[in-house]
Amino acid sequence: MAGFLESLCASLPPSVVSAHTIGETRFIYMVNEYQLQRVNCWFMPPPPQVRGVMIDQLRSSKMMIWTVFLGLKLFKSLDQDSCDLRSSGSIGWIDKLEQRITVTCKKLSLKEMADRLMAQLELTFISFVTVGVPLGYSLLRKALPGFLRLVAVDPNLISEHPNGSLFISFPQTLGIPRQELNTFILYDAATAFALGVPSLAEYGYDGKCDPTSHGYQCVHGVPVPLVEIISQVNSWRDGSRIGLDDWQTLESRAMAWQGQPLPIEDEDPKVNVARLAVQESWRYVTLVYLYMGMCGLSSNDSRVRASIAQIVNLERRVTDISISMHMLMHYVVLGLGAQHEEQRAIIRERLLSFQGRRVWLFRGPEFSRVLDHLWNGVGAGGAPLLGMTMSGRGRTIPDGVQNALTGEPLAILPKNQAVVLRYRPAPESASRLRPIAGLVAVLTTLLCGLAQAPIRLPIGRLE
């Protein structure tokens, strides 16, 4: 362990390396400091059982120790206003660590595979927060093969479609106590929803998600049943061949959802009121995505306007600064409906404040630029914005068109392209992008159509 830390430190500039970064004496301090940094950004403190699992994983996994070390350095760099992590060598450090995590010549045990995937996902989060969307999303794509290897081991998580392809059970995978699998599918749902990219794997939605099965909503504040609805809309927009609920059923489920009591004691009541307001407003964010993303309604439709009005009313109750950063996507949705410059200026100010240590999962300025593109383009003069329907499916995309947030080219995936469970190819071959209509990037008109269905999992076995 000490040898690897020394070699890793040797690759970092002297300005971020000191004697106390190496050695067992500082290890516990480093883990605790990193945990405090992460928990301070969470929606609410995790329950003891979740906290215990996370600490145990940090202490027992070499991969996580490496990631914590680098993450701690990058988080500290965020306090330096003049430090641009995109140009300070951070991307190079992250790339080197990612290669250390993914490249191996030996056969891995299931625990080693799980540790590596969790380290990849933690590095993905660190990259989203400290560097930006393009790097974070690239790392998430590279984590796909490891995720599918682990899913393939458990037959309860895989179901066969009548056409012979396989899909992953979203509720089953989210419900098992496997943090690395839970985190991947939730990041997959979040990026497809927010960034306008396709889901990296195909999911089925048999059964119901257990809202108390894990502590994810402690981190980002999104109620699990609403995540499942958002993921179904993602799958619908991907052109999934798996049976999905119709929009009326999803709407009814979103309206019927009831928030769970917060498992927190001895806290300022105003903070809990803010948390409940954030969770309740996710209901209306989900409905706007359903109406505009699945039904193709405009931002001027009465149902969209009613949901936006509810978000505005709930936003007024979120006065705690530490909680408000969990409303990033709420402000993006409000931006879709903002028709007056005064409203747009307030939303822009809010989004620009979500940077440094005040980050939900993605940084606010990146979304502010997308909204400015909308407001100065198709939304100029307060014009309503149109949601996209499946009518564009199958159109080709002009060469060179890129996603406004990820910077990825919108390449068409051939119909016969698939991710196989016998992973011999490089990770990049398992996650090629297709054009897909999503909440933000689609409305910029930079994503101008839908093409082939998402990645399929043909029948196979893990070798």
Protein backbone atom coordinates (compact mmCIF):
# COMPACT_ATOMS: atom_id res chain seq x y z
CA MET A 1 0.00 0.00 0.00
CA ALA A 2 2.70 2.47 1.00
CA GLY A 3 4.59 1.65 -2.20
CA PHE A 4 1.63 2.45 -4.40
CA LEU A 5 0.86 5.67 -2.54
CA GLU A 6 4.47 6.70 -2.99
CA SER A 7 4.32 5.99 -6.73
CA LEU A 8 1.02 7.85 -7.01
CA CYS A 9 2.40 10.80 -5.10
CA ALA A 10 5.45 10.80 -7.35
CA SER A 11 3.17 11.44 -10.33
CA LEU A 12 1.53 14.43 -8.64
CA PRO A 13 3.01 17.92 -8.57
CA PRO A 14 5.00 18.72 -5.41
CA SER A 15 2.52 21.46 -4.51
CA VAL A 16 -0.12 18.90 -3.57
CA VAL A 17 2.12 16.32 -1.89
CA SER A 18 3.34 16.48 1.68
CA ALA A 19 4.79 14.02 4.14
CA HIS A 20 1.53 13.46 5.98
CA THR A 21 -0.22 12.12 2.85
CA ILE A 22 1.63 8.83 3.25
CA GLY A 23 1.63 6.52 6.23
CA GLU A 24 -0.73 4.56 8.41
CA THR A 25 -0.76 7.29 11.07
CA ARG A 26 -2.60 9.69 8.78
CA PHE A 27 -4.83 7.09 7.16
CA ILE A 28 -7.74 7.26 9.62
CA TYR A 29 -7.60 11.04 9.58
CA MET A 30 -7.67 11.06 5.79
CA VAL A 31 -10.70 8.75 5.62
CA ASN A 32 -12.60 10.74 8.23
CA GLU A 33 -11.81 14.05 6.55
CA TYR A 34 -12.99 12.72 3.20
CA GLN A 35 -16.18 11.36 4.76
CA LEU A 36 -16.88 14.74 6.35
CA GLN A 37 -16.35 16.46 3.01
CA ARG A 38 -18.76 14.10 1.27
CA VAL A 39 -21.40 14.08 4.02
CA ASN A 40 -21.42 17.88 4.19
CA CYS A 41 -22.64 17.84 0.58
CA TRP A 42 -25.31 15.23 1.22
CA PHE A 43 -29.02 15.86 1.40
CA MET A 44 -29.13 14.49 4.94
CA PRO A 45 -26.91 12.37 7.19
CA PRO A 46 -27.07 8.70 6.22
CA PRO A 47 -28.59 6.16 8.62
CA PRO A 48 -26.04 4.31 10.79
CA GLN A 49 -26.18 1.09 8.76
CA VAL A 50 -25.43 2.92 5.52
CA ARG A 51 -22.66 4.96 7.13
CA GLY A 52 -21.09 1.80 8.54
CA VAL A 53 -21.04 0.04 5.18
CA MET A 54 -19.44 3.04 3.51
CA ILE A 55 -16.74 3.42 6.14
CA ASP A 56 -15.95 -0.29 6.04
CA GLN A 57 -15.60 -0.12 2.27
CA LEU A 58 -13.30 2.87 2.50
CA ARG A 59 -11.08 1.08 4.99
CA SER A 60 -10.99 -2.33 3.31
CA SER A 61 -10.61 -1.44 -0.37
CA LYS A 62 -7.23 -0.35 -1.70
CA MET A 63 -8.97 1.10 -4.75
CA MET A 64 -11.15 3.31 -2.57
CA ILE A 65 -8.15 4.42 -0.52
CA TRP A 66 -6.42 5.60 -3.69
CA THR A 67 -9.58 7.39 -4.80
CA VAL A 68 -10.09 9.01 -1.39
CA PHE A 69 -6.52 10.28 -1.42
CA LEU A 70 -6.91 11.98 -4.79
CA GLY A 71 -10.45 13.16 -4.06
CA LEU A 72 -9.35 14.84 -0.86
CA LYS A 73 -6.66 16.75 -2.72
CA LEU A 74 -9.05 17.86 -5.44
CA PHE A 75 -11.75 18.92 -2.98
CA LYS A 76 -9.22 21.04 -1.12
CA SER A 77 -8.23 22.65 -4.42
CA LEU A 78 -11.83 23.84 -4.84
CA ASP A 79 -11.21 26.31 -2.02
CA GLN A 80 -8.66 28.11 -4.18
CA ASP A 81 -10.73 30.49 -6.29
CA SER A 82 -7.92 30.96 -8.80
CA CYS A 83 -7.44 27.22 -9.32
CA ASP A 84 -8.94 25.86 -12.54
CA LEU A 85 -8.89 22.10 -12.04
CA ARG A 86 -9.35 21.54 -15.77
CA SER A 87 -5.97 23.12 -16.45
CA SER A 88 -4.08 22.32 -13.24
CA GLY A 89 -3.19 18.75 -14.14
CA SER A 90 -6.19 17.24 -12.36
CA ILE A 91 -7.44 15.48 -15.47
CA GLY A 92 -4.08 13.77 -15.84
CA TRP A 93 -4.12 12.60 -12.22
CA ILE A 94 -7.66 11.26 -12.60
CA ASP A 95 -6.74 9.47 -15.83
CA LYS A 96 -3.73 7.81 -14.20
CA LEU A 97 -5.79 6.62 -11.25
CA GLU A 98 -8.58 5.38 -13.52
CA GLN A 99 -6.05 3.30 -15.45
CA ARG A 100 -4.71 1.87 -12.19
CA ILE A 101 -8.23 0.85 -11.20
CA THR A 102 -9.29 -0.71 -14.49
CA VAL A 103 -6.12 -2.30 -15.86
CA THR A 104 -5.27 -5.69 -14.36
CA CYS A 105 -3.66 -8.89 -15.59
CA LYS A 106 -5.06 -11.22 -12.94
CA LYS A 107 -8.43 -12.88 -12.54
CA LEU A 108 -10.46 -10.90 -10.03
CA SER A 109 -12.71 -12.18 -7.28
CA LEU A 110 -16.25 -10.81 -7.02
CA LYS A 111 -15.21 -8.61 -4.10
CA GLU A 112 -12.29 -7.19 -6.07
CA MET A 113 -14.59 -6.52 -9.02
CA ALA A 114 -17.08 -4.76 -6.73
CA ASP A 115 -14.31 -2.71 -5.10
CA ARG A 116 -13.01 -1.59 -8.48
CA LEU A 117 -16.47 -0.61 -9.69
CA MET A 118 -17.17 1.38 -6.53
CA ALA A 119 -13.83 3.16 -6.87
CA GLN A 120 -14.63 3.98 -10.51
CA LEU A 121 -17.99 5.43 -9.50
CA GLU A 122 -16.47 7.47 -6.68
CA LEU A 123 -13.90 8.79 -9.14
CA THR A 124 -16.79 9.58 -11.50
CA PHE A 125 -18.48 11.66 -8.81
CA ILE A 126 -15.23 13.45 -7.98
CA SER A 127 -14.75 14.25 -11.67
CA PHE A 128 -18.29 15.60 -12.11
CA VAL A 129 -17.85 17.87 -9.10
CA THR A 130 -14.28 19.08 -9.50
CA VAL A 131 -13.70 19.08 -13.27
CA GLY A 132 -16.99 18.86 -15.15
CA VAL A 133 -19.53 16.85 -17.09
CA PRO A 134 -17.38 15.66 -20.04
CA LEU A 135 -14.81 13.91 -17.83
CA GLY A 136 -17.35 12.59 -15.33
CA TYR A 137 -19.57 11.12 -18.01
CA SER A 138 -16.61 9.55 -19.80
CA LEU A 139 -15.65 7.74 -16.58
CA LEU A 140 -19.22 6.56 -16.03
CA ARG A 141 -19.24 5.01 -19.50
CA LYS A 142 -15.99 3.21 -18.74
CA ALA A 143 -17.58 1.72 -15.61
CA LEU A 144 -20.29 -0.03 -17.66
CA PRO A 145 -18.41 -3.32 -18.35
CA GLY A 146 -17.63 -3.81 -14.67
CA PHE A 147 -21.25 -3.16 -13.75
CA LEU A 148 -22.52 -5.70 -16.27
CA ARG A 149 -20.02 -8.32 -15.14
CA LEU A 150 -21.34 -8.08 -11.59
CA VAL A 151 -24.99 -8.03 -12.66
CA ALA A 152 -24.46 -11.13 -14.81
CA VAL A 153 -23.37 -13.13 -11.77
CA ASP A 154 -26.81 -12.80 -10.11
CA PRO A 155 -29.60 -14.41 -12.19
CA ASN A 156 -32.22 -12.54 -10.14
CA LEU A 157 -31.07 -9.27 -11.68
CA ILE A 158 -31.32 -10.36 -15.33
CA SER A 159 -34.49 -11.20 -17.26
CA GLU A 160 -34.88 -12.45 -20.80
CA HIS A 161 -37.00 -10.61 -23.33
CA PRO A 162 -39.13 -12.73 -25.72
CA ASN A 163 -36.88 -11.57 -28.57
CA GLY A 164 -33.89 -13.25 -26.89
CA SER A 165 -32.14 -10.16 -25.50
CA LEU A 166 -31.55 -9.62 -21.81
CA PHE A 167 -32.39 -6.66 -19.65
CA ILE A 168 -31.54 -5.60 -16.11
CA SER A 169 -34.28 -5.37 -13.50
CA PHE A 170 -34.23 -1.79 -12.25
CA PRO A 171 -36.23 -2.46 -9.03
CA GLN A 172 -34.36 -5.67 -8.19
CA THR A 173 -30.92 -4.14 -8.73
CA LEU A 174 -31.83 -1.04 -6.78
CA GLY A 175 -33.25 -3.11 -3.95
CA ILE A 176 -30.28 -5.32 -3.13
CA PRO A 177 -27.68 -4.10 -0.59
CA ARG A 178 -24.93 -3.65 -3.19
CA GLN A 179 -23.83 -0.04 -3.14
CA GLU A 180 -21.78 -0.27 -6.33
CA LEU A 181 -24.75 -1.61 -8.35
CA ASN A 182 -27.21 0.83 -6.76
CA THR A 183 -24.94 3.76 -7.48
CA PHE A 184 -24.32 2.84 -11.12
CA ILE A 185 -27.97 2.58 -12.16
CA LEU A 186 -28.84 5.76 -10.28
CA TYR A 187 -26.00 7.65 -11.97
CA ASP A 188 -27.12 6.15 -15.27
CA ALA A 189 -30.67 7.41 -14.70
CA ALA A 190 -29.44 10.84 -13.59
CA THR A 191 -27.15 11.39 -16.57
CA ALA A 192 -29.74 10.24 -19.11
CA PHE A 193 -32.29 12.56 -17.51
CA ALA A 194 -30.09 15.61 -17.06
CA LEU A 195 -27.54 15.43 -19.87
CA GLY A 196 -29.65 14.22 -22.79
CA VAL A 197 -27.66 11.02 -23.34
CA PRO A 198 -28.93 7.45 -23.72
CA SER A 199 -29.07 5.06 -20.81
CA LEU A 200 -25.94 2.94 -20.82
CA ALA A 201 -27.84 -0.31 -20.24
CA GLU A 202 -31.38 -1.49 -20.86
CA TYR A 203 -33.64 -1.86 -17.85
CA GLY A 204 -36.88 -3.64 -17.11
CA TYR A 205 -39.31 -2.39 -14.50
CA ASP A 206 -40.96 -5.50 -13.13
CA GLY A 207 -41.92 -5.03 -9.50
CA LYS A 208 -41.72 -1.92 -7.35
CA CYS A 209 -38.78 -0.02 -5.94
CA ASP A 210 -38.49 -0.16 -2.17
CA PRO A 211 -38.04 3.45 -0.98
CA THR A 212 -36.30 2.25 2.19
CA SER A 213 -33.98 -0.32 0.61
CA HIS A 214 -30.87 1.87 0.61
CA GLY A 215 -29.57 5.29 1.52
CA TYR A 216 -29.19 6.89 -1.91
CA GLN A 217 -31.73 9.62 -1.28
CA CYS A 218 -29.65 10.60 1.74
CA VAL A 219 -27.00 11.64 -0.76
CA HIS A 220 -28.92 13.48 -3.48
CA GLY A 221 -32.44 13.83 -2.09
CA VAL A 222 -34.33 12.16 -4.94
CA PRO A 223 -37.14 9.85 -3.74
CA VAL A 224 -36.51 6.37 -5.12
CA PRO A 225 -40.02 5.82 -6.60
CA LEU A 226 -39.64 9.03 -8.60
CA VAL A 227 -36.20 7.92 -9.82
CA GLU A 228 -37.87 4.80 -11.22
CA ILE A 229 -40.44 6.93 -13.10
CA ILE A 230 -37.67 9.13 -14.50
CA SER A 231 -35.78 6.03 -15.61
CA GLN A 232 -38.88 4.70 -17.37
CA VAL A 233 -39.18 7.96 -19.30
CA ASN A 234 -35.48 7.61 -20.18
CA SER A 235 -36.14 4.09 -21.47
CA TRP A 236 -39.16 5.25 -23.46
CA ARG A 237 -37.10 7.95 -25.12
CA ASP A 238 -34.38 5.39 -25.84
CA GLY A 239 -36.93 3.43 -27.88
CA SER A 240 -36.78 0.46 -25.52
CA ARG A 241 -38.44 -2.74 -26.68
CA ILE A 242 -39.14 -3.72 -23.09
CA GLY A 243 -42.73 -3.27 -21.95
CA LEU A 244 -43.06 0.09 -20.19
CA ASP A 245 -45.92 1.81 -18.39
CA ASP A 246 -47.87 4.38 -20.41
CA TRP A 247 -47.64 8.05 -19.51
CA GLN A 248 -51.01 8.07 -17.72
CA THR A 249 -49.86 5.28 -15.40
CA LEU A 250 -46.59 7.06 -14.67
CA GLU A 251 -48.44 10.32 -14.06
CA SER A 252 -50.79 8.59 -11.61
CA ARG A 253 -47.87 7.04 -9.75
CA ALA A 254 -46.08 10.38 -9.48
CA MET A 255 -49.23 12.05 -8.17
CA ALA A 256 -49.90 9.22 -5.69
CA TRP A 257 -46.35 9.14 -4.30
CA GLN A 258 -46.17 10.01 -0.61
CA GLY A 259 -43.04 11.19 1.10
CA GLN A 260 -41.51 9.13 3.88
CA PRO A 261 -40.76 10.59 7.33
CA LEU A 262 -37.17 11.75 7.53
CA PRO A 263 -35.07 9.52 9.83
CA ILE A 264 -33.38 12.46 11.54
CA GLU A 265 -33.61 13.56 15.17
CA ASP A 266 -32.49 16.65 17.10
CA GLU A 267 -32.16 18.86 14.05
CA ASP A 268 -33.34 22.37 13.26
CA PRO A 269 -36.99 21.99 12.16
CA LYS A 270 -36.45 24.55 9.38
CA VAL A 271 -33.83 22.30 7.79
CA ASN A 272 -36.22 19.37 7.76
CA VAL A 273 -38.94 21.57 6.25
CA ALA A 274 -36.48 22.47 3.49
CA ARG A 275 -35.66 18.80 2.92
CA LEU A 276 -39.32 17.86 2.67
CA ALA A 277 -39.90 20.73 0.23
CA VAL A 278 -37.05 19.50 -1.99
CA GLN A 279 -38.42 15.96 -2.02
CA GLU A 280 -41.98 17.11 -2.70
CA SER A 281 -40.81 19.34 -5.55
CA TRP A 282 -39.14 16.32 -7.17
CA ARG A 283 -42.69 15.11 -7.83
CA TYR A 284 -43.26 18.12 -10.09
CA VAL A 285 -39.82 17.92 -11.72
CA THR A 286 -40.73 14.33 -12.63
CA LEU A 287 -44.10 15.42 -14.04
CA VAL A 288 -42.51 18.13 -16.19
CA TYR A 289 -40.07 15.57 -17.59
CA LEU A 290 -42.97 13.22 -18.28
CA TYR A 291 -45.08 15.89 -20.00
CA MET A 292 -42.30 17.44 -22.08
CA GLY A 293 -40.05 14.41 -22.56
CA MET A 294 -42.65 11.71 -23.19
CA CYS A 295 -45.79 13.57 -24.28
CA GLY A 296 -44.01 16.28 -26.27
CA LEU A 297 -45.89 19.14 -24.60
CA SER A 298 -44.56 22.69 -24.68
CA SER A 299 -43.45 24.65 -21.65
CA ASN A 300 -46.61 26.73 -22.12
CA ASP A 301 -48.97 23.78 -21.65
CA SER A 302 -51.30 24.15 -18.66
CA ARG A 303 -50.06 20.93 -17.02
CA VAL A 304 -46.43 21.96 -17.38
CA ARG A 305 -47.18 25.45 -16.08
CA ALA A 306 -49.08 24.04 -13.09
CA SER A 307 -46.14 21.79 -12.15
CA ILE A 308 -43.67 24.66 -12.51
CA ALA A 309 -45.87 26.83 -10.28
CA GLN A 310 -45.73 24.14 -7.59
CA ILE A 311 -41.92 24.02 -7.83
CA VAL A 312 -41.81 27.81 -7.37
CA ASN A 313 -44.02 27.63 -4.27
CA LEU A 314 -41.94 24.85 -2.73
CA GLU A 315 -38.65 26.56 -3.60
CA ARG A 316 -39.61 29.44 -1.32
CA ARG A 317 -39.48 27.08 1.66
CA VAL A 318 -35.88 26.06 0.94
CA THR A 319 -34.06 28.78 2.82
CA ASP A 320 -31.16 26.64 4.04
CA ILE A 321 -28.15 27.19 1.77
CA SER A 322 -26.75 23.69 2.30
CA ILE A 323 -30.05 22.16 1.15
CA SER A 324 -30.68 24.50 -1.78
CA MET A 325 -27.84 22.99 -3.83
CA HIS A 326 -29.98 19.86 -4.14
CA MET A 327 -32.38 21.87 -6.29
CA LEU A 328 -30.09 22.07 -9.31
CA MET A 329 -32.49 20.23 -11.62
CA HIS A 330 -35.44 22.13 -10.15
CA TYR A 331 -33.88 25.39 -11.32
CA VAL A 332 -33.19 23.90 -14.74
CA VAL A 333 -36.87 22.96 -15.03
CA LEU A 334 -37.85 26.45 -13.86
CA GLY A 335 -35.55 27.80 -16.54
CA LEU A 336 -37.48 25.90 -19.20
CA GLY A 337 -40.62 27.77 -18.18
CA ALA A 338 -39.09 31.19 -17.46
CA GLN A 339 -40.35 33.71 -20.02
CA HIS A 340 -39.26 37.02 -18.47
CA GLU A 341 -35.72 38.30 -18.14
CA GLU A 342 -36.18 38.99 -14.41
CA GLN A 343 -37.05 35.32 -13.83
CA ARG A 344 -34.18 34.14 -15.99
CA ALA A 345 -31.70 36.36 -14.16
CA ILE A 346 -32.69 34.84 -10.79
CA ILE A 347 -32.36 31.29 -12.15
CA ARG A 348 -29.01 32.10 -13.73
CA GLU A 349 -27.75 33.49 -10.41
CA ARG A 350 -28.87 30.37 -8.55
CA LEU A 351 -27.23 28.01 -11.02
CA LEU A 352 -23.96 29.95 -11.03
CA SER A 353 -23.81 29.54 -7.24
CA PHE A 354 -23.76 25.74 -7.49
CA GLN A 355 -20.02 25.23 -7.83
CA GLY A 356 -17.00 24.62 -5.65
CA ARG A 357 -18.23 22.65 -2.63
CA ARG A 358 -21.89 23.52 -3.31
CA VAL A 359 -22.55 20.85 -5.92
CA TRP A 360 -25.43 18.35 -6.16
CA LEU A 361 -24.00 15.95 -8.74
CA PHE A 362 -23.37 18.31 -11.65
CA ARG A 363 -22.06 21.86 -11.51
CA GLY A 364 -24.56 24.66 -12.02
CA PRO A 365 -22.61 26.88 -14.45
CA GLU A 366 -22.63 24.13 -17.07
CA PHE A 367 -26.44 24.12 -17.05
CA SER A 368 -26.59 27.90 -16.94
CA ARG A 369 -24.80 27.99 -20.29
CA VAL A 370 -27.33 25.56 -21.78
CA LEU A 371 -30.26 27.67 -20.57
CA ASP A 372 -28.62 30.82 -21.95
CA HIS A 373 -28.40 29.04 -25.30
CA LEU A 374 -32.12 28.28 -25.08
CA TRP A 375 -33.15 31.73 -23.92
CA ASN A 376 -31.16 33.44 -26.66
CA GLY A 377 -32.29 30.94 -29.31
CA VAL A 378 -35.63 29.17 -29.54
CA GLY A 379 -36.80 30.84 -26.31
CA ALA A 380 -35.88 34.39 -27.34
CA GLY A 381 -38.48 36.95 -26.39
CA GLY A 382 -40.11 34.59 -23.90
CA ALA A 383 -41.21 32.07 -26.53
CA PRO A 384 -42.33 28.71 -25.09
CA LEU A 385 -40.07 25.69 -25.49
CA LEU A 386 -41.28 22.52 -27.15
CA GLY A 387 -40.74 19.02 -25.81
CA MET A 388 -39.65 16.43 -28.36
CA THR A 389 -41.60 13.30 -29.22
CA MET A 390 -40.59 10.03 -30.81
CA SER A 391 -41.48 11.36 -34.25
CA GLY A 392 -37.81 12.13 -34.83
CA ARG A 393 -36.75 8.54 -34.26
CA GLY A 394 -34.52 7.13 -36.95
CA ARG A 395 -33.27 10.44 -38.33
CA THR A 396 -29.56 10.79 -38.92
CA ILE A 397 -27.51 13.43 -37.17
CA PRO A 398 -25.21 15.76 -39.12
CA ASP A 399 -21.52 15.01 -38.69
CA GLY A 400 -19.81 17.02 -36.00
CA VAL A 401 -22.90 17.73 -33.89
CA GLN A 402 -22.07 17.42 -30.19
CA ASN A 403 -23.94 17.17 -26.94
CA ALA A 404 -23.94 20.63 -25.36
CA LEU A 405 -22.96 19.29 -21.94
CA THR A 406 -20.84 16.18 -22.46
CA GLY A 407 -19.08 17.31 -25.63
CA GLU A 408 -19.52 13.81 -27.04
CA PRO A 409 -20.24 13.33 -30.76
CA LEU A 410 -23.73 12.05 -31.51
CA ALA A 411 -22.68 8.95 -33.42
CA ILE A 412 -25.28 6.49 -34.68
CA LEU A 413 -24.96 3.03 -33.15
CA PRO A 414 -25.45 0.26 -35.75
CA LYS A 415 -28.53 -1.90 -35.19
CA ASN A 416 -26.42 -5.00 -34.66
CA GLN A 417 -24.12 -3.33 -32.12
CA ALA A 418 -24.54 -4.76 -28.62
CA VAL A 419 -22.81 -5.14 -25.31
CA VAL A 420 -22.04 -8.81 -24.72
CA LEU A 421 -21.64 -10.29 -21.27
CA ARG A 422 -18.36 -11.96 -22.35
CA TYR A 423 -16.21 -8.86 -21.91
CA ARG A 424 -13.21 -9.12 -24.19
CA PRO A 425 -13.35 -5.70 -25.92
CA ALA A 426 -12.06 -2.47 -24.46
CA PRO A 427 -14.50 -0.54 -22.21
CA GLU A 428 -15.04 2.14 -24.84
CA SER A 429 -16.60 -0.36 -27.25
CA ALA A 430 -19.28 -1.14 -24.68
CA SER A 431 -20.61 2.39 -24.41
CA ARG A 432 -20.77 4.14 -27.78
CA LEU A 433 -23.20 7.01 -27.87
CA ARG A 434 -26.42 7.25 -29.82
CA PRO A 435 -28.50 10.39 -30.23
CA ILE A 436 -31.24 10.56 -27.64
CA ALA A 437 -33.77 13.15 -26.57
CA GLY A 438 -33.30 14.21 -22.97
CA LEU A 439 -34.48 16.99 -20.71
CA VAL A 440 -31.79 19.59 -21.32
CA ALA A 441 -29.56 18.79 -24.25
CA VAL A 442 -32.48 17.93 -26.49
CA LEU A 443 -34.16 21.25 -25.92
CA THR A 444 -31.02 23.05 -27.03
CA THR A 445 -31.79 21.65 -30.50
CA LEU A 446 -28.24 20.32 -30.57
CA LEU A 447 -29.70 16.86 -30.14
CA CYS A 448 -31.95 16.88 -33.17
CA GLY A 449 -33.42 13.41 -33.27
CA LEU A 450 -33.62 9.87 -32.03
CA ALA A 451 -32.07 6.86 -33.67
CA GLN A 452 -31.56 3.27 -32.71
CA ALA A 453 -32.63 1.56 -29.49
CA PRO A 454 -30.23 1.59 -26.53
CA ILE A 455 -27.57 -0.96 -25.76
CA ARG A 456 -28.94 -4.53 -25.72
CA LEU A 457 -27.64 -7.43 -23.68
CA PRO A 458 -27.75 -10.60 -25.80
CA ILE A 459 -27.77 -13.95 -24.06
CA GLY A 460 -24.34 -14.89 -22.80
CA ARG A 461 -22.43 -16.01 -19.78
CA LEU A 462 -19.60 -14.49 -17.83
CA GLU A 463 -16.29 -16.02 -18.83
